[in-house]
Amino acid sequence: MNGVNNIFKKEGQTKGKTVAIFGGIHGDERVGVEMIDRLREELEIDAGTVYLAHGNLQAMEKGARCGEKNLNRCFVRDNSGQTYEEIRAQELMSVLDESDALLDLHSFANPRGEAFAICEENAFDIVKQFDIPVISSGWSNLGAGATDAYMHDQDKVGICLECGPHHKLAESLQRAHMSVNIFLQHFGCIDRNVIGDSNKKRHIRVQNTIVRET
């Protein structure tokens, strides 16, 4: 699978956990795309296996968020669709099925928004070290299809990291890089003394959602 369909595999010298890092699930979110490119070139693994993957390749080429469908609503176990996004999700789910944990890198359009992480309780010890002010949970109970929810449904760690606004690329890349190192250190893939952010986080738990159809 190394290099096939923009899915890359790095292995350490000793056995260990298998984790995945995704970027570009939405094609216009450059922070994840560029972080995966950097990790492909620079990352050295001490133990275990790390999968690096670009998400929506067609949307990335167009600089668009999505194509026919939102790829981050296609990660469902009974996905048998034939759109590009559904087929791509099937390819990426095969990676997630092998993985113990996922870090999915995103950014957002709101120029004044704060960086935040979406995850469930089994990832709190990891994300509380990220350089973010907000942790949001409860999303996995409200609807299927997101990468982090797919992992949570298997009792695995799934983290969606919203690294910052699209236009603050340098700042978002720095936050993504620090978070990647904390994530990999937590699962023993790298042996470094990575010091995380110690500031207290705000915790927002989602109780319900409103679907707007028009």
C-alpha atoms as a PDB file:
ATOM      1  CA  MET A   1       0.000   0.000   0.000  1.00  0.00           C
ATOM      2  CA  ASN A   2       3.037   2.240   0.178  1.00  0.00           C
ATOM      3  CA  GLY A   3       2.409   5.129  -2.215  1.00  0.00           C
ATOM      4  CA  VAL A   4      -0.708   3.613  -3.805  1.00  0.00           C
ATOM      5  CA  ASN A   5      -3.543   6.132  -4.213  1.00  0.00           C
ATOM      6  CA  ASN A   6      -1.663   8.673  -2.095  1.00  0.00           C
ATOM      7  CA  ILE A   7      -1.596   6.335   0.902  1.00  0.00           C
ATOM      8  CA  PHE A   8       1.905   6.006   2.333  1.00  0.00           C
ATOM      9  CA  LYS A   9       3.221   3.615   4.955  1.00  0.00           C
ATOM     10  CA  LYS A  10       6.152   4.181   7.330  1.00  0.00           C
ATOM     11  CA  GLU A  11       7.431   1.467   9.657  1.00  0.00           C
ATOM     12  CA  GLY A  12       9.733   1.506  12.650  1.00  0.00           C
ATOM     13  CA  GLN A  13      12.511  -0.877  13.575  1.00  0.00           C
ATOM     14  CA  THR A  14      10.396  -2.571  16.243  1.00  0.00           C
ATOM     15  CA  LYS A  15       6.780  -3.654  16.527  1.00  0.00           C
ATOM     16  CA  GLY A  16       4.210  -1.315  17.992  1.00  0.00           C
ATOM     17  CA  LYS A  17       0.934   0.446  17.417  1.00  0.00           C
ATOM     18  CA  THR A  18      -0.501   1.211  13.996  1.00  0.00           C
ATOM     19  CA  VAL A  19      -1.839   4.734  13.538  1.00  0.00           C
ATOM     20  CA  ALA A  20      -3.100   6.861  10.663  1.00  0.00           C
ATOM     21  CA  ILE A  21      -2.767  10.568   9.883  1.00  0.00           C
ATOM     22  CA  PHE A  22      -5.083  12.048   7.222  1.00  0.00           C
ATOM     23  CA  GLY A  23      -5.081  15.430   5.497  1.00  0.00           C
ATOM     24  CA  GLY A  24      -7.170  16.863   2.689  1.00  0.00           C
ATOM     25  CA  ILE A  25     -10.398  15.065   3.510  1.00  0.00           C
ATOM     26  CA  HIS A  26     -11.745  18.422   2.322  1.00  0.00           C
ATOM     27  CA  GLY A  27      -9.747  19.474  -0.714  1.00  0.00           C
ATOM     28  CA  ASP A  28      -9.490  23.206   0.060  1.00  0.00           C
ATOM     29  CA  GLU A  29      -7.984  22.703   3.524  1.00  0.00           C
ATOM     30  CA  ARG A  30      -4.298  23.134   2.738  1.00  0.00           C
ATOM     31  CA  VAL A  31      -2.929  22.572   6.239  1.00  0.00           C
ATOM     32  CA  GLY A  32      -3.634  18.836   6.171  1.00  0.00           C
ATOM     33  CA  VAL A  33      -2.410  18.420   2.600  1.00  0.00           C
ATOM     34  CA  GLU A  34       0.876  20.200   3.273  1.00  0.00           C
ATOM     35  CA  MET A  35       1.389  18.445   6.608  1.00  0.00           C
ATOM     36  CA  ILE A  36       1.062  15.031   4.961  1.00  0.00           C
ATOM     37  CA  ASP A  37       3.546  16.102   2.265  1.00  0.00           C
ATOM     38  CA  ARG A  38       6.021  17.183   4.934  1.00  0.00           C
ATOM     39  CA  LEU A  39       5.617  14.008   6.954  1.00  0.00           C
ATOM     40  CA  ARG A  40       6.151  11.864   3.869  1.00  0.00           C
ATOM     41  CA  GLU A  41       9.572  13.461   3.433  1.00  0.00           C
ATOM     42  CA  GLU A  42      10.714  14.023   7.003  1.00  0.00           C
ATOM     43  CA  LEU A  43       9.022  11.620   9.417  1.00  0.00           C
ATOM     44  CA  GLU A  44      11.135   8.811  10.868  1.00  0.00           C
ATOM     45  CA  ILE A  45       9.384   6.154  12.935  1.00  0.00           C
ATOM     46  CA  ASP A  46      11.006   4.351  15.872  1.00  0.00           C
ATOM     47  CA  ALA A  47       8.315   1.709  16.411  1.00  0.00           C
ATOM     48  CA  GLY A  48       5.055   0.553  14.939  1.00  0.00           C
ATOM     49  CA  THR A  49       3.454   1.645  11.687  1.00  0.00           C
ATOM     50  CA  VAL A  50       2.187   5.027  10.518  1.00  0.00           C
ATOM     51  CA  TYR A  51      -0.117   5.472   7.526  1.00  0.00           C
ATOM     52  CA  LEU A  52      -0.153   8.902   5.885  1.00  0.00           C
ATOM     53  CA  ALA A  53      -2.969   9.663   3.457  1.00  0.00           C
ATOM     54  CA  HIS A  54      -4.383  12.483   1.396  1.00  0.00           C
ATOM     55  CA  GLY A  55      -8.168  12.433   1.401  1.00  0.00           C
ATOM     56  CA  ASN A  56     -10.200  13.795  -1.489  1.00  0.00           C
ATOM     57  CA  LEU A  57      -7.688  13.847  -4.342  1.00  0.00           C
ATOM     58  CA  GLN A  58     -10.151  15.170  -6.917  1.00  0.00           C
ATOM     59  CA  ALA A  59     -11.238  18.045  -4.676  1.00  0.00           C
ATOM     60  CA  MET A  60      -7.587  18.812  -3.886  1.00  0.00           C
ATOM     61  CA  GLU A  61      -6.837  19.210  -7.596  1.00  0.00           C
ATOM     62  CA  LYS A  62      -9.727  21.666  -7.954  1.00  0.00           C
ATOM     63  CA  GLY A  63      -9.086  23.512  -4.702  1.00  0.00           C
ATOM     64  CA  ALA A  64     -12.662  22.691  -3.710  1.00  0.00           C
ATOM     65  CA  ARG A  65     -14.073  21.432  -0.440  1.00  0.00           C
ATOM     66  CA  CYS A  66     -15.972  18.523  -2.014  1.00  0.00           C
ATOM     67  CA  GLY A  67     -16.960  16.916  -5.276  1.00  0.00           C
ATOM     68  CA  GLU A  68     -20.212  15.000  -5.579  1.00  0.00           C
ATOM     69  CA  LYS A  69     -20.379  14.313  -1.846  1.00  0.00           C
ATOM     70  CA  ASN A  70     -18.746  15.373   1.398  1.00  0.00           C
ATOM     71  CA  LEU A  71     -16.073  12.711   1.898  1.00  0.00           C
ATOM     72  CA  ASN A  72     -16.334  13.196   5.651  1.00  0.00           C
ATOM     73  CA  ARG A  73     -19.873  11.789   5.593  1.00  0.00           C
ATOM     74  CA  CYS A  74     -18.936   8.640   3.663  1.00  0.00           C
ATOM     75  CA  PHE A  75     -17.100   6.673   6.372  1.00  0.00           C
ATOM     76  CA  VAL A  76     -19.860   4.194   7.145  1.00  0.00           C
ATOM     77  CA  ARG A  77     -19.559   0.435   7.435  1.00  0.00           C
ATOM     78  CA  ASP A  78     -22.234  -0.358   4.836  1.00  0.00           C
ATOM     79  CA  ASN A  79     -20.873   2.108   2.271  1.00  0.00           C
ATOM     80  CA  SER A  80     -21.402   0.525  -1.152  1.00  0.00           C
ATOM     81  CA  GLY A  81     -21.751   3.745  -3.141  1.00  0.00           C
ATOM     82  CA  GLN A  82     -20.187   4.496  -6.502  1.00  0.00           C
ATOM     83  CA  THR A  83     -19.388   8.210  -6.311  1.00  0.00           C
ATOM     84  CA  TYR A  84     -15.717   9.130  -6.176  1.00  0.00           C
ATOM     85  CA  GLU A  85     -16.008  10.106  -2.510  1.00  0.00           C
ATOM     86  CA  GLU A  86     -17.727   6.873  -1.521  1.00  0.00           C
ATOM     87  CA  ILE A  87     -15.110   4.777  -3.294  1.00  0.00           C
ATOM     88  CA  ARG A  88     -12.307   6.852  -1.755  1.00  0.00           C
ATOM     89  CA  ALA A  89     -13.826   6.354   1.695  1.00  0.00           C
ATOM     90  CA  GLN A  90     -13.808   2.604   1.121  1.00  0.00           C
ATOM     91  CA  GLU A  91     -10.070   2.762   0.356  1.00  0.00           C
ATOM     92  CA  LEU A  92      -9.349   4.862   3.439  1.00  0.00           C
ATOM     93  CA  MET A  93     -11.542   2.702   5.696  1.00  0.00           C
ATOM     94  CA  SER A  94      -9.290  -0.243   4.878  1.00  0.00           C
ATOM     95  CA  VAL A  95      -6.453   1.770   6.450  1.00  0.00           C
ATOM     96  CA  LEU A  96      -8.543   2.702   9.482  1.00  0.00           C
ATOM     97  CA  ASP A  97      -9.518  -0.926  10.005  1.00  0.00           C
ATOM     98  CA  GLU A  98      -5.807  -1.728  10.445  1.00  0.00           C
ATOM     99  CA  SER A  99      -5.162   1.274  12.694  1.00  0.00           C
ATOM    100  CA  ASP A 100      -5.434   1.740  16.440  1.00  0.00           C
ATOM    101  CA  ALA A 101      -5.893   5.506  16.192  1.00  0.00           C
ATOM    102  CA  LEU A 102      -6.460   8.342  13.728  1.00  0.00           C
ATOM    103  CA  LEU A 103      -5.455  12.010  13.627  1.00  0.00           C
ATOM    104  CA  ASP A 104      -7.398  13.805  10.876  1.00  0.00           C
ATOM    105  CA  LEU A 105      -6.134  17.330  10.092  1.00  0.00           C
ATOM    106  CA  HIS A 106      -8.579  20.057   9.018  1.00  0.00           C
ATOM    107  CA  SER A 107      -8.985  23.842   8.885  1.00  0.00           C
ATOM    108  CA  PHE A 108     -12.022  26.129   8.608  1.00  0.00           C
ATOM    109  CA  ALA A 109     -13.300  29.248   6.846  1.00  0.00           C
ATOM    110  CA  ASN A 110     -14.242  31.480   9.814  1.00  0.00           C
ATOM    111  CA  PRO A 111     -11.366  33.991  10.000  1.00  0.00           C
ATOM    112  CA  ARG A 112     -11.989  34.658  13.714  1.00  0.00           C
ATOM    113  CA  GLY A 113     -12.602  31.054  14.754  1.00  0.00           C
ATOM    114  CA  GLU A 114     -10.567  29.209  17.367  1.00  0.00           C
ATOM    115  CA  ALA A 115      -8.687  25.980  16.773  1.00  0.00           C
ATOM    116  CA  PHE A 116     -10.374  22.968  18.347  1.00  0.00           C
ATOM    117  CA  ALA A 117     -10.436  19.180  18.444  1.00  0.00           C
ATOM    118  CA  ILE A 118     -13.374  16.837  18.003  1.00  0.00           C
ATOM    119  CA  CYS A 119     -12.973  13.514  19.817  1.00  0.00           C
ATOM    120  CA  GLU A 120     -14.443  11.339  22.529  1.00  0.00           C
ATOM    121  CA  GLU A 121     -13.285  10.592  26.069  1.00  0.00           C
ATOM    122  CA  ASN A 122     -10.747   7.939  25.034  1.00  0.00           C
ATOM    123  CA  ALA A 123      -8.697  10.699  23.336  1.00  0.00           C
ATOM    124  CA  PHE A 124      -8.892  13.397  26.021  1.00  0.00           C
ATOM    125  CA  ASP A 125      -5.443  12.595  27.462  1.00  0.00           C
ATOM    126  CA  ILE A 126      -3.951  13.236  24.020  1.00  0.00           C
ATOM    127  CA  VAL A 127      -5.808  16.356  22.880  1.00  0.00           C
ATOM    128  CA  LYS A 128      -5.457  18.144  26.218  1.00  0.00           C
ATOM    129  CA  GLN A 129      -1.777  18.518  25.239  1.00  0.00           C
ATOM    130  CA  PHE A 130      -2.592  20.130  21.866  1.00  0.00           C
ATOM    131  CA  ASP A 131      -2.213  23.878  21.379  1.00  0.00           C
ATOM    132  CA  ILE A 132      -5.966  24.465  21.211  1.00  0.00           C
ATOM    133  CA  PRO A 133      -8.438  26.251  23.505  1.00  0.00           C
ATOM    134  CA  VAL A 134     -11.457  23.988  22.870  1.00  0.00           C
ATOM    135  CA  ILE A 135     -12.232  20.257  22.965  1.00  0.00           C
ATOM    136  CA  SER A 136     -15.625  19.226  21.585  1.00  0.00           C
ATOM    137  CA  SER A 137     -17.198  15.804  22.105  1.00  0.00           C
ATOM    138  CA  GLY A 138     -20.494  14.034  21.565  1.00  0.00           C
ATOM    139  CA  TRP A 139     -20.487  14.219  17.779  1.00  0.00           C
ATOM    140  CA  SER A 140     -20.049  10.466  17.320  1.00  0.00           C
ATOM    141  CA  ASN A 141     -23.485   9.885  18.851  1.00  0.00           C
ATOM    142  CA  LEU A 142     -25.314  12.208  16.465  1.00  0.00           C
ATOM    143  CA  GLY A 143     -24.626  10.781  13.024  1.00  0.00           C
ATOM    144  CA  ALA A 144     -22.333   8.496  11.081  1.00  0.00           C
ATOM    145  CA  GLY A 145     -19.896   9.225   8.313  1.00  0.00           C
ATOM    146  CA  ALA A 146     -17.000  11.206   9.771  1.00  0.00           C
ATOM    147  CA  THR A 147     -13.526   9.701  10.090  1.00  0.00           C
ATOM    148  CA  ASP A 148     -13.339  10.179  13.865  1.00  0.00           C
ATOM    149  CA  ALA A 149     -16.832   8.694  14.372  1.00  0.00           C
ATOM    150  CA  TYR A 150     -15.864   5.664  12.287  1.00  0.00           C
ATOM    151  CA  MET A 151     -12.955   5.016  14.650  1.00  0.00           C
ATOM    152  CA  HIS A 152     -15.014   5.636  17.763  1.00  0.00           C
ATOM    153  CA  ASP A 153     -17.605   3.115  16.603  1.00  0.00           C
ATOM    154  CA  GLN A 154     -14.813   0.519  16.787  1.00  0.00           C
ATOM    155  CA  ASP A 155     -13.755   1.666  20.284  1.00  0.00           C
ATOM    156  CA  LYS A 156     -10.632   3.220  18.789  1.00  0.00           C
ATOM    157  CA  VAL A 157      -9.183   6.710  19.111  1.00  0.00           C
ATOM    158  CA  GLY A 158     -10.397   9.108  16.443  1.00  0.00           C
ATOM    159  CA  ILE A 159      -9.381  12.778  16.538  1.00  0.00           C
ATOM    160  CA  CYS A 160     -10.467  15.507  14.145  1.00  0.00           C
ATOM    161  CA  LEU A 161      -8.138  18.470  14.664  1.00  0.00           C
ATOM    162  CA  GLU A 162      -9.351  21.802  13.298  1.00  0.00           C
ATOM    163  CA  CYS A 163      -5.970  23.507  13.156  1.00  0.00           C
ATOM    164  CA  GLY A 164      -7.190  27.063  12.511  1.00  0.00           C
ATOM    165  CA  PRO A 165      -8.592  29.339   9.790  1.00  0.00           C
ATOM    166  CA  HIS A 166      -7.676  28.570   6.178  1.00  0.00           C
ATOM    167  CA  HIS A 167      -5.797  31.852   5.730  1.00  0.00           C
ATOM    168  CA  LYS A 168      -3.539  31.330   8.776  1.00  0.00           C
ATOM    169  CA  LEU A 169      -1.652  28.521   7.084  1.00  0.00           C
ATOM    170  CA  ALA A 170       1.745  28.996   8.759  1.00  0.00           C
ATOM    171  CA  GLU A 171       0.200  29.134  12.244  1.00  0.00           C
ATOM    172  CA  SER A 172      -2.024  26.131  11.498  1.00  0.00           C
ATOM    173  CA  LEU A 173       0.906  24.108  10.163  1.00  0.00           C
ATOM    174  CA  GLN A 174       2.871  24.796  13.334  1.00  0.00           C
ATOM    175  CA  ARG A 175      -0.080  23.630  15.445  1.00  0.00           C
ATOM    176  CA  ALA A 176      -0.533  20.554  13.251  1.00  0.00           C
ATOM    177  CA  HIS A 177       3.154  19.626  13.502  1.00  0.00           C
ATOM    178  CA  MET A 178       3.164  19.869  17.297  1.00  0.00           C
ATOM    179  CA  SER A 179      -0.037  17.831  17.510  1.00  0.00           C
ATOM    180  CA  VAL A 180       1.320  15.139  15.190  1.00  0.00           C
ATOM    181  CA  ASN A 181       4.375  14.730  17.403  1.00  0.00           C
ATOM    182  CA  ILE A 182       2.256  14.511  20.571  1.00  0.00           C
ATOM    183  CA  PHE A 183      -0.025  11.963  18.884  1.00  0.00           C
ATOM    184  CA  LEU A 184       2.865   9.799  17.653  1.00  0.00           C
ATOM    185  CA  GLN A 185       4.679  10.015  20.985  1.00  0.00           C
ATOM    186  CA  HIS A 186       1.532   8.933  22.848  1.00  0.00           C
ATOM    187  CA  PHE A 187       1.337   5.730  20.791  1.00  0.00           C
ATOM    188  CA  GLY A 188       5.057   5.013  21.019  1.00  0.00           C
ATOM    189  CA  CYS A 189       5.777   5.555  17.327  1.00  0.00           C
ATOM    190  CA  ILE A 190       8.449   8.151  18.071  1.00  0.00           C
ATOM    191  CA  ASP A 191      10.721   8.405  21.084  1.00  0.00           C
ATOM    192  CA  ARG A 192      11.051  12.116  21.794  1.00  0.00           C
ATOM    193  CA  ASN A 193      10.470  14.425  24.696  1.00  0.00           C
ATOM    194  CA  VAL A 194       7.610  16.383  23.170  1.00  0.00           C
ATOM    195  CA  ILE A 195       6.207  18.917  25.626  1.00  0.00           C
ATOM    196  CA  GLY A 196       2.564  19.718  24.983  1.00  0.00           C
ATOM    197  CA  ASP A 197       0.437  22.727  25.813  1.00  0.00           C
ATOM    198  CA  SER A 198      -0.532  22.852  29.484  1.00  0.00           C
ATOM    199  CA  ASN A 199      -3.239  25.535  29.275  1.00  0.00           C
ATOM    200  CA  LYS A 200      -6.688  24.521  30.463  1.00  0.00           C
ATOM    201  CA  LYS A 201      -9.181  23.746  27.688  1.00  0.00           C
ATOM    202  CA  ARG A 202     -12.839  24.611  27.366  1.00  0.00           C
ATOM    203  CA  HIS A 203     -14.924  21.484  26.876  1.00  0.00           C
ATOM    204  CA  ILE A 204     -18.057  21.687  24.748  1.00  0.00           C
ATOM    205  CA  ARG A 205     -20.269  18.594  24.558  1.00  0.00           C
ATOM    206  CA  VAL A 206     -22.815  18.459  21.763  1.00  0.00           C
ATOM    207  CA  GLN A 207     -26.296  17.331  22.791  1.00  0.00           C
ATOM    208  CA  ASN A 208     -28.239  17.643  19.528  1.00  0.00           C
ATOM    209  CA  THR A 209     -27.996  18.993  15.999  1.00  0.00           C
ATOM    210  CA  ILE A 210     -30.252  20.898  13.620  1.00  0.00           C
ATOM    211  CA  VAL A 211     -30.221  19.893   9.952  1.00  0.00           C
ATOM    212  CA  ARG A 212     -30.868  22.841   7.645  1.00  0.00           C
ATOM    213  CA  GLU A 213     -32.211  21.676   4.282  1.00  0.00           C
ATOM    214  CA  THR A 214     -32.467  25.033   2.453  1.00  0.00           C
END
